[in-house]
Each structure stands twice: as structure tokens, then as C-alpha cells.
Amino acid sequence: MKELVEVIAKALVEHPDEVTVSEKEDGKHVVIELHVAESDMGKVIGKQGRIAKAIRSVVKAASSKDNKRVDVEII
């Protein structure tokens, strides 16, 4: 999941070298933290959070086969 979020985020931002993704796993619950440059924050979140919701939907669909709950946090 970490790689998936990283690929999506790097495609959206102007400074892909500043994108970092970390993953914290606690049993069946996984938290993926996405860090981007301050100037790219709006591009990752999108108008009314639409892009952020889309990223979370894609990750949720991809994680359903692993029977894990994955949350994506944009920091």
C-alpha cells in the first residue's frame, strides 16, 4: 500500500522528491502517512478534498483483498 500511495502522490505534485510515505501497522489496522511539500498540499487534497478521498478509495479497494483496514493521513 505504501508504494501505491507514493506513486499516486508523486504523479500529482510539482516536487516529487519531497514526497515521503511512512507506514505504521498494528494488527489488522494500517496507517499510511503521506508527507508532501507545503506548496503541494492543495494539489494532494484537491477542491473540497476530492483528490484525498479518491486516494483513500483506491487504497481501501486495494487493501480489501488483504483483509486489513488502511487509513491514509496527509500531513
PDB file of N, CA and C in Angstrom:
ATOM      1  N   MET A   1       0.813  -1.192   0.000  1.00  0.00           N
ATOM      2  CA  MET A   1       0.000   0.000   0.000  1.00  0.00           C
ATOM      3  C   MET A   1       0.861   1.263   0.000  1.00  0.00           C
ATOM      4  N   LYS A   2       1.963   1.192   0.707  1.00  0.00           N
ATOM      5  CA  LYS A   2       2.862   2.340   0.804  1.00  0.00           C
ATOM      6  C   LYS A   2       3.337   2.780  -0.576  1.00  0.00           C
ATOM      7  N   GLU A   3       3.714   1.818  -1.407  1.00  0.00           N
ATOM      8  CA  GLU A   3       4.202   2.129  -2.744  1.00  0.00           C
ATOM      9  C   GLU A   3       3.107   2.734  -3.609  1.00  0.00           C
ATOM     10  N   LEU A   4       1.886   2.243  -3.450  1.00  0.00           N
ATOM     11  CA  LEU A   4       0.755   2.758  -4.215  1.00  0.00           C
ATOM     12  C   LEU A   4       0.508   4.230  -3.912  1.00  0.00           C
ATOM     13  N   VAL A   5       0.494   4.584  -2.647  1.00  0.00           N
ATOM     14  CA  VAL A   5       0.278   5.982  -2.240  1.00  0.00           C
ATOM     15  C   VAL A   5       1.413   6.856  -2.749  1.00  0.00           C
ATOM     16  N   GLU A   6       2.628   6.344  -2.679  1.00  0.00           N
ATOM     17  CA  GLU A   6       3.791   7.115  -3.124  1.00  0.00           C
ATOM     18  C   GLU A   6       3.731   7.404  -4.624  1.00  0.00           C
ATOM     19  N   VAL A   7       3.364   6.414  -5.423  1.00  0.00           N
ATOM     20  CA  VAL A   7       3.266   6.600  -6.877  1.00  0.00           C
ATOM     21  C   VAL A   7       2.179   7.614  -7.223  1.00  0.00           C
ATOM     22  N   ILE A   8       1.038   7.511  -6.573  1.00  0.00           N
ATOM     23  CA  ILE A   8      -0.058   8.448  -6.841  1.00  0.00           C
ATOM     24  C   ILE A   8       0.339   9.870  -6.457  1.00  0.00           C
ATOM     25  N   ALA A   9       0.932  10.027  -5.275  1.00  0.00           N
ATOM     26  CA  ALA A   9       1.308  11.356  -4.794  1.00  0.00           C
ATOM     27  C   ALA A   9       2.377  11.997  -5.670  1.00  0.00           C
ATOM     28  N   LYS A  10       3.374  11.232  -6.077  1.00  0.00           N
ATOM     29  CA  LYS A  10       4.438  11.788  -6.910  1.00  0.00           C
ATOM     30  C   LYS A  10       3.924  12.225  -8.276  1.00  0.00           C
ATOM     31  N   ALA A  11       2.874  11.584  -8.762  1.00  0.00           N
ATOM     32  CA  ALA A  11       2.289  11.974 -10.044  1.00  0.00           C
ATOM     33  C   ALA A  11       1.515  13.290  -9.932  1.00  0.00           C
ATOM     34  N   LEU A  12       1.067  13.634  -8.730  1.00  0.00           N
ATOM     35  CA  LEU A  12       0.233  14.823  -8.545  1.00  0.00           C
ATOM     36  C   LEU A  12       1.016  16.100  -8.250  1.00  0.00           C
ATOM     37  N   VAL A  13       2.159  15.991  -7.606  1.00  0.00           N
ATOM     38  CA  VAL A  13       2.846  17.162  -7.069  1.00  0.00           C
ATOM     39  C   VAL A  13       3.909  17.714  -8.021  1.00  0.00           C
ATOM     40  N   GLU A  14       4.332  18.954  -7.734  1.00  0.00           N
ATOM     41  CA  GLU A  14       5.397  19.593  -8.508  1.00  0.00           C
ATOM     42  C   GLU A  14       6.786  19.226  -7.989  1.00  0.00           C
ATOM     43  N   HIS A  15       6.867  18.845  -6.718  1.00  0.00           N
ATOM     44  CA  HIS A  15       8.148  18.491  -6.092  1.00  0.00           C
ATOM     45  C   HIS A  15       8.097  17.029  -5.640  1.00  0.00           C
ATOM     46  N   PRO A  16       8.218  16.083  -6.579  1.00  0.00           N
ATOM     47  CA  PRO A  16       8.106  14.666  -6.193  1.00  0.00           C
ATOM     48  C   PRO A  16       9.243  14.177  -5.296  1.00  0.00           C
ATOM     49  N   ASP A  17      10.368  14.884  -5.290  1.00  0.00           N
ATOM     50  CA  ASP A  17      11.478  14.471  -4.437  1.00  0.00           C
ATOM     51  C   ASP A  17      11.193  14.739  -2.957  1.00  0.00           C
ATOM     52  N   GLU A  18      10.187  15.564  -2.648  1.00  0.00           N
ATOM     53  CA  GLU A  18       9.853  15.870  -1.258  1.00  0.00           C
ATOM     54  C   GLU A  18       8.709  15.018  -0.726  1.00  0.00           C
ATOM     55  N   VAL A  19       8.257  14.058  -1.504  1.00  0.00           N
ATOM     56  CA  VAL A  19       7.185  13.164  -1.065  1.00  0.00           C
ATOM     57  C   VAL A  19       7.783  12.025  -0.251  1.00  0.00           C
ATOM     58  N   THR A  20       7.275  11.855   0.964  1.00  0.00           N
ATOM     59  CA  THR A  20       7.684  10.717   1.787  1.00  0.00           C
ATOM     60  C   THR A  20       6.431  10.028   2.320  1.00  0.00           C
ATOM     61  N   VAL A  21       6.511   8.723   2.371  1.00  0.00           N
ATOM     62  CA  VAL A  21       5.382   7.924   2.845  1.00  0.00           C
ATOM     63  C   VAL A  21       5.889   6.976   3.921  1.00  0.00           C
ATOM     64  N   SER A  22       5.198   6.970   5.065  1.00  0.00           N
ATOM     65  CA  SER A  22       5.552   6.036   6.130  1.00  0.00           C
ATOM     66  C   SER A  22       4.332   5.188   6.459  1.00  0.00           C
ATOM     67  N   GLU A  23       4.592   4.000   6.972  1.00  0.00           N
ATOM     68  CA  GLU A  23       3.518   3.046   7.232  1.00  0.00           C
ATOM     69  C   GLU A  23       3.652   2.518   8.647  1.00  0.00           C
ATOM     70  N   LYS A  24       2.556   2.576   9.394  1.00  0.00           N
ATOM     71  CA  LYS A  24       2.528   2.044  10.750  1.00  0.00           C
ATOM     72  C   LYS A  24       1.467   0.950  10.795  1.00  0.00           C
ATOM     73  N   GLU A  25       1.864  -0.240  11.229  1.00  0.00           N
ATOM     74  CA  GLU A  25       0.942  -1.372  11.236  1.00  0.00           C
ATOM     75  C   GLU A  25       0.688  -1.826  12.662  1.00  0.00           C
ATOM     76  N   ASP A  26      -0.594  -2.047  12.974  1.00  0.00           N
ATOM     77  CA  ASP A  26      -0.996  -2.516  14.297  1.00  0.00           C
ATOM     78  C   ASP A  26      -2.049  -3.603  14.095  1.00  0.00           C
ATOM     79  N   GLY A  27      -1.599  -4.820  13.929  1.00  0.00           N
ATOM     80  CA  GLY A  27      -2.525  -5.921  13.684  1.00  0.00           C
ATOM     81  C   GLY A  27      -3.153  -5.802  12.311  1.00  0.00           C
ATOM     82  N   LYS A  28      -4.478  -5.674  12.290  1.00  0.00           N
ATOM     83  CA  LYS A  28      -5.186  -5.542  11.011  1.00  0.00           C
ATOM     84  C   LYS A  28      -5.437  -4.088  10.638  1.00  0.00           C
ATOM     85  N   HIS A  29      -4.876  -3.162  11.385  1.00  0.00           N
ATOM     86  CA  HIS A  29      -5.059  -1.739  11.112  1.00  0.00           C
ATOM     87  C   HIS A  29      -3.730  -1.137  10.675  1.00  0.00           C
ATOM     88  N   VAL A  30      -3.744  -0.472   9.529  1.00  0.00           N
ATOM     89  CA  VAL A  30      -2.537   0.136   8.975  1.00  0.00           C
ATOM     90  C   VAL A  30      -2.807   1.628   8.764  1.00  0.00           C
ATOM     91  N   VAL A  31      -1.863   2.458   9.187  1.00  0.00           N
ATOM     92  CA  VAL A  31      -1.952   3.900   8.960  1.00  0.00           C
ATOM     93  C   VAL A  31      -0.808   4.295   8.035  1.00  0.00           C
ATOM     94  N   ILE A  32      -1.165   4.903   6.905  1.00  0.00           N
ATOM     95  CA  ILE A  32      -0.169   5.377   5.958  1.00  0.00           C
ATOM     96  C   ILE A  32      -0.136   6.895   6.053  1.00  0.00           C
ATOM     97  N   GLU A  33       1.042   7.441   6.369  1.00  0.00           N
ATOM     98  CA  GLU A  33       1.210   8.890   6.491  1.00  0.00           C
ATOM     99  C   GLU A  33       1.907   9.417   5.246  1.00  0.00           C
ATOM    100  N   LEU A  34       1.287  10.390   4.611  1.00  0.00           N
ATOM    101  CA  LEU A  34       1.819  10.992   3.394  1.00  0.00           C
ATOM    102  C   LEU A  34       2.293  12.399   3.715  1.00  0.00           C
ATOM    103  N   HIS A  35       3.575  12.652   3.488  1.00  0.00           N
ATOM    104  CA  HIS A  35       4.158  13.976   3.714  1.00  0.00           C
ATOM    105  C   HIS A  35       4.523  14.571   2.359  1.00  0.00           C
ATOM    106  N   VAL A  36       4.049  15.796   2.094  1.00  0.00           N
ATOM    107  CA  VAL A  36       4.384  16.493   0.846  1.00  0.00           C
ATOM    108  C   VAL A  36       4.859  17.898   1.183  1.00  0.00           C
ATOM    109  N   ALA A  37       5.433  18.562   0.185  1.00  0.00           N
ATOM    110  CA  ALA A  37       5.881  19.943   0.380  1.00  0.00           C
ATOM    111  C   ALA A  37       4.667  20.833   0.660  1.00  0.00           C
ATOM    112  N   GLU A  38       4.897  21.891   1.407  1.00  0.00           N
ATOM    113  CA  GLU A  38       3.822  22.821   1.776  1.00  0.00           C
ATOM    114  C   GLU A  38       3.100  23.358   0.546  1.00  0.00           C
ATOM    115  N   SER A  39       3.858  23.661  -0.503  1.00  0.00           N
ATOM    116  CA  SER A  39       3.247  24.226  -1.714  1.00  0.00           C
ATOM    117  C   SER A  39       2.428  23.206  -2.497  1.00  0.00           C
ATOM    118  N   ASP A  40       2.637  21.921  -2.255  1.00  0.00           N
ATOM    119  CA  ASP A  40       1.906  20.869  -2.963  1.00  0.00           C
ATOM    120  C   ASP A  40       0.716  20.326  -2.187  1.00  0.00           C
ATOM    121  N   MET A  41       0.495  20.831  -1.000  1.00  0.00           N
ATOM    122  CA  MET A  41      -0.575  20.314  -0.155  1.00  0.00           C
ATOM    123  C   MET A  41      -1.943  20.424  -0.828  1.00  0.00           C
ATOM    124  N   GLY A  42      -2.208  21.550  -1.465  1.00  0.00           N
ATOM    125  CA  GLY A  42      -3.501  21.748  -2.123  1.00  0.00           C
ATOM    126  C   GLY A  42      -3.724  20.792  -3.281  1.00  0.00           C
ATOM    127  N   LYS A  43      -2.667  20.435  -3.972  1.00  0.00           N
ATOM    128  CA  LYS A  43      -2.786  19.513  -5.105  1.00  0.00           C
ATOM    129  C   LYS A  43      -3.110  18.099  -4.642  1.00  0.00           C
ATOM    130  N   VAL A  44      -2.617  17.722  -3.492  1.00  0.00           N
ATOM    131  CA  VAL A  44      -2.880  16.381  -2.979  1.00  0.00           C
ATOM    132  C   VAL A  44      -4.268  16.300  -2.355  1.00  0.00           C
ATOM    133  N   ILE A  45      -4.718  17.389  -1.743  1.00  0.00           N
ATOM    134  CA  ILE A  45      -6.037  17.396  -1.112  1.00  0.00           C
ATOM    135  C   ILE A  45      -7.135  17.646  -2.154  1.00  0.00           C
ATOM    136  N   GLY A  46      -6.918  18.602  -3.041  1.00  0.00           N
ATOM    137  CA  GLY A  46      -7.908  18.897  -4.075  1.00  0.00           C
ATOM    138  C   GLY A  46      -9.047  19.762  -3.573  1.00  0.00           C
ATOM    139  N   LYS A  47      -9.879  20.203  -4.501  1.00  0.00           N
ATOM    140  CA  LYS A  47     -11.032  21.022  -4.133  1.00  0.00           C
ATOM    141  C   LYS A  47     -12.010  20.191  -3.320  1.00  0.00           C
ATOM    142  N   GLN A  48     -12.364  20.709  -2.157  1.00  0.00           N
ATOM    143  CA  GLN A  48     -13.272  20.060  -1.210  1.00  0.00           C
ATOM    144  C   GLN A  48     -12.813  18.654  -0.835  1.00  0.00           C
ATOM    145  N   GLY A  49     -11.507  18.402  -0.940  1.00  0.00           N
ATOM    146  CA  GLY A  49     -10.951  17.121  -0.533  1.00  0.00           C
ATOM    147  C   GLY A  49     -11.208  15.973  -1.489  1.00  0.00           C
ATOM    148  N   ARG A  50     -11.554  16.281  -2.725  1.00  0.00           N
ATOM    149  CA  ARG A  50     -11.915  15.224  -3.670  1.00  0.00           C
ATOM    150  C   ARG A  50     -10.752  14.308  -4.013  1.00  0.00           C
ATOM    151  N   ILE A  51      -9.570  14.862  -4.206  1.00  0.00           N
ATOM    152  CA  ILE A  51      -8.420  14.018  -4.556  1.00  0.00           C
ATOM    153  C   ILE A  51      -8.013  13.165  -3.366  1.00  0.00           C
ATOM    154  N   ALA A  52      -8.050  13.732  -2.168  1.00  0.00           N
ATOM    155  CA  ALA A  52      -7.731  12.960  -0.967  1.00  0.00           C
ATOM    156  C   ALA A  52      -8.712  11.807  -0.801  1.00  0.00           C
ATOM    157  N   LYS A  53      -9.997  12.055  -1.039  1.00  0.00           N
ATOM    158  CA  LYS A  53     -10.999  10.993  -0.959  1.00  0.00           C
ATOM    159  C   LYS A  53     -10.744   9.922  -2.001  1.00  0.00           C
ATOM    160  N   ALA A  54     -10.341  10.340  -3.198  1.00  0.00           N
ATOM    161  CA  ALA A  54     -10.059   9.375  -4.267  1.00  0.00           C
ATOM    162  C   ALA A  54      -8.857   8.502  -3.907  1.00  0.00           C
ATOM    163  N   ILE A  55      -7.816   9.111  -3.346  1.00  0.00           N
ATOM    164  CA  ILE A  55      -6.642   8.335  -2.923  1.00  0.00           C
ATOM    165  C   ILE A  55      -7.052   7.317  -1.873  1.00  0.00           C
ATOM    166  N   ARG A  56      -7.856   7.751  -0.904  1.00  0.00           N
ATOM    167  CA  ARG A  56      -8.301   6.840   0.160  1.00  0.00           C
ATOM    168  C   ARG A  56      -9.166   5.714  -0.408  1.00  0.00           C
ATOM    169  N   SER A  57      -9.994   6.021  -1.399  1.00  0.00           N
ATOM    170  CA  SER A  57     -10.844   4.992  -2.010  1.00  0.00           C
ATOM    171  C   SER A  57     -10.018   3.944  -2.741  1.00  0.00           C
ATOM    172  N   VAL A  58      -9.019   4.386  -3.479  1.00  0.00           N
ATOM    173  CA  VAL A  58      -8.158   3.451  -4.205  1.00  0.00           C
ATOM    174  C   VAL A  58      -7.398   2.552  -3.229  1.00  0.00           C
ATOM    175  N   VAL A  59      -6.876   3.141  -2.175  1.00  0.00           N
ATOM    176  CA  VAL A  59      -6.131   2.365  -1.181  1.00  0.00           C
ATOM    177  C   VAL A  59      -7.058   1.389  -0.461  1.00  0.00           C
ATOM    178  N   LYS A  60      -8.267   1.832  -0.161  1.00  0.00           N
ATOM    179  CA  LYS A  60      -9.227   0.951   0.507  1.00  0.00           C
ATOM    180  C   LYS A  60      -9.578  -0.241  -0.382  1.00  0.00           C
ATOM    181  N   ALA A  61      -9.778   0.013  -1.662  1.00  0.00           N
ATOM    182  CA  ALA A  61     -10.091  -1.070  -2.596  1.00  0.00           C
ATOM    183  C   ALA A  61      -8.918  -2.039  -2.719  1.00  0.00           C
ATOM    184  N   ALA A  62      -7.707  -1.513  -2.775  1.00  0.00           N
ATOM    185  CA  ALA A  62      -6.526  -2.366  -2.898  1.00  0.00           C
ATOM    186  C   ALA A  62      -6.264  -3.166  -1.627  1.00  0.00           C
ATOM    187  N   SER A  63      -6.637  -2.619  -0.479  1.00  0.00           N
ATOM    188  CA  SER A  63      -6.365  -3.305   0.787  1.00  0.00           C
ATOM    189  C   SER A  63      -7.451  -4.308   1.153  1.00  0.00           C
ATOM    190  N   SER A  64      -8.575  -4.284   0.477  1.00  0.00           N
ATOM    191  CA  SER A  64      -9.676  -5.179   0.837  1.00  0.00           C
ATOM    192  C   SER A  64      -9.302  -6.647   0.627  1.00  0.00           C
ATOM    193  N   LYS A  65      -8.425  -6.929  -0.315  1.00  0.00           N
ATOM    194  CA  LYS A  65      -8.032  -8.320  -0.549  1.00  0.00           C
ATOM    195  C   LYS A  65      -7.134  -8.858   0.566  1.00  0.00           C
ATOM    196  N   ASP A  66      -6.501  -7.975   1.327  1.00  0.00           N
ATOM    197  CA  ASP A  66      -5.634  -8.380   2.434  1.00  0.00           C
ATOM    198  C   ASP A  66      -6.374  -8.450   3.765  1.00  0.00           C
ATOM    199  N   ASN A  67      -7.669  -8.116   3.758  1.00  0.00           N
ATOM    200  CA  ASN A  67      -8.480  -8.081   4.982  1.00  0.00           C
ATOM    201  C   ASN A  67      -7.873  -7.176   6.043  1.00  0.00           C
ATOM    202  N   LYS A  68      -7.374  -6.015   5.612  1.00  0.00           N
ATOM    203  CA  LYS A  68      -6.808  -5.041   6.536  1.00  0.00           C
ATOM    204  C   LYS A  68      -7.530  -3.715   6.353  1.00  0.00           C
ATOM    205  N   ARG A  69      -7.593  -2.952   7.440  1.00  0.00           N
ATOM    206  CA  ARG A  69      -8.171  -1.619   7.374  1.00  0.00           C
ATOM    207  C   ARG A  69      -7.011  -0.637   7.230  1.00  0.00           C
ATOM    208  N   VAL A  70      -7.050   0.156   6.167  1.00  0.00           N
ATOM    209  CA  VAL A  70      -5.961   1.083   5.881  1.00  0.00           C
ATOM    210  C   VAL A  70      -6.512   2.514   5.908  1.00  0.00           C
ATOM    211  N   ASP A  71      -5.863   3.365   6.673  1.00  0.00           N
ATOM    212  CA  ASP A  71      -6.194   4.789   6.715  1.00  0.00           C
ATOM    213  C   ASP A  71      -5.036   5.569   6.129  1.00  0.00           C
ATOM    214  N   VAL A  72      -5.358   6.584   5.317  1.00  0.00           N
ATOM    215  CA  VAL A  72      -4.337   7.444   4.731  1.00  0.00           C
ATOM    216  C   VAL A  72      -4.451   8.814   5.378  1.00  0.00           C
ATOM    217  N   GLU A  73      -3.361   9.277   5.980  1.00  0.00           N
ATOM    218  CA  GLU A  73      -3.321  10.597   6.592  1.00  0.00           C
ATOM    219  C   GLU A  73      -2.361  11.477   5.814  1.00  0.00           C
ATOM    220  N   ILE A  74      -2.831  12.652   5.433  1.00  0.00           N
ATOM    221  CA  ILE A  74      -1.992  13.605   4.707  1.00  0.00           C
ATOM    222  C   ILE A  74      -1.492  14.618   5.716  1.00  0.00           C
ATOM    223  N   ILE A  75      -0.166  14.665   5.866  1.00  0.00           N
ATOM    224  CA  ILE A  75       0.441  15.509   6.901  1.00  0.00           C
ATOM    225  C   ILE A  75       1.291  16.579   6.245  1.00  0.00           C
TER     226      ILE A  75
END
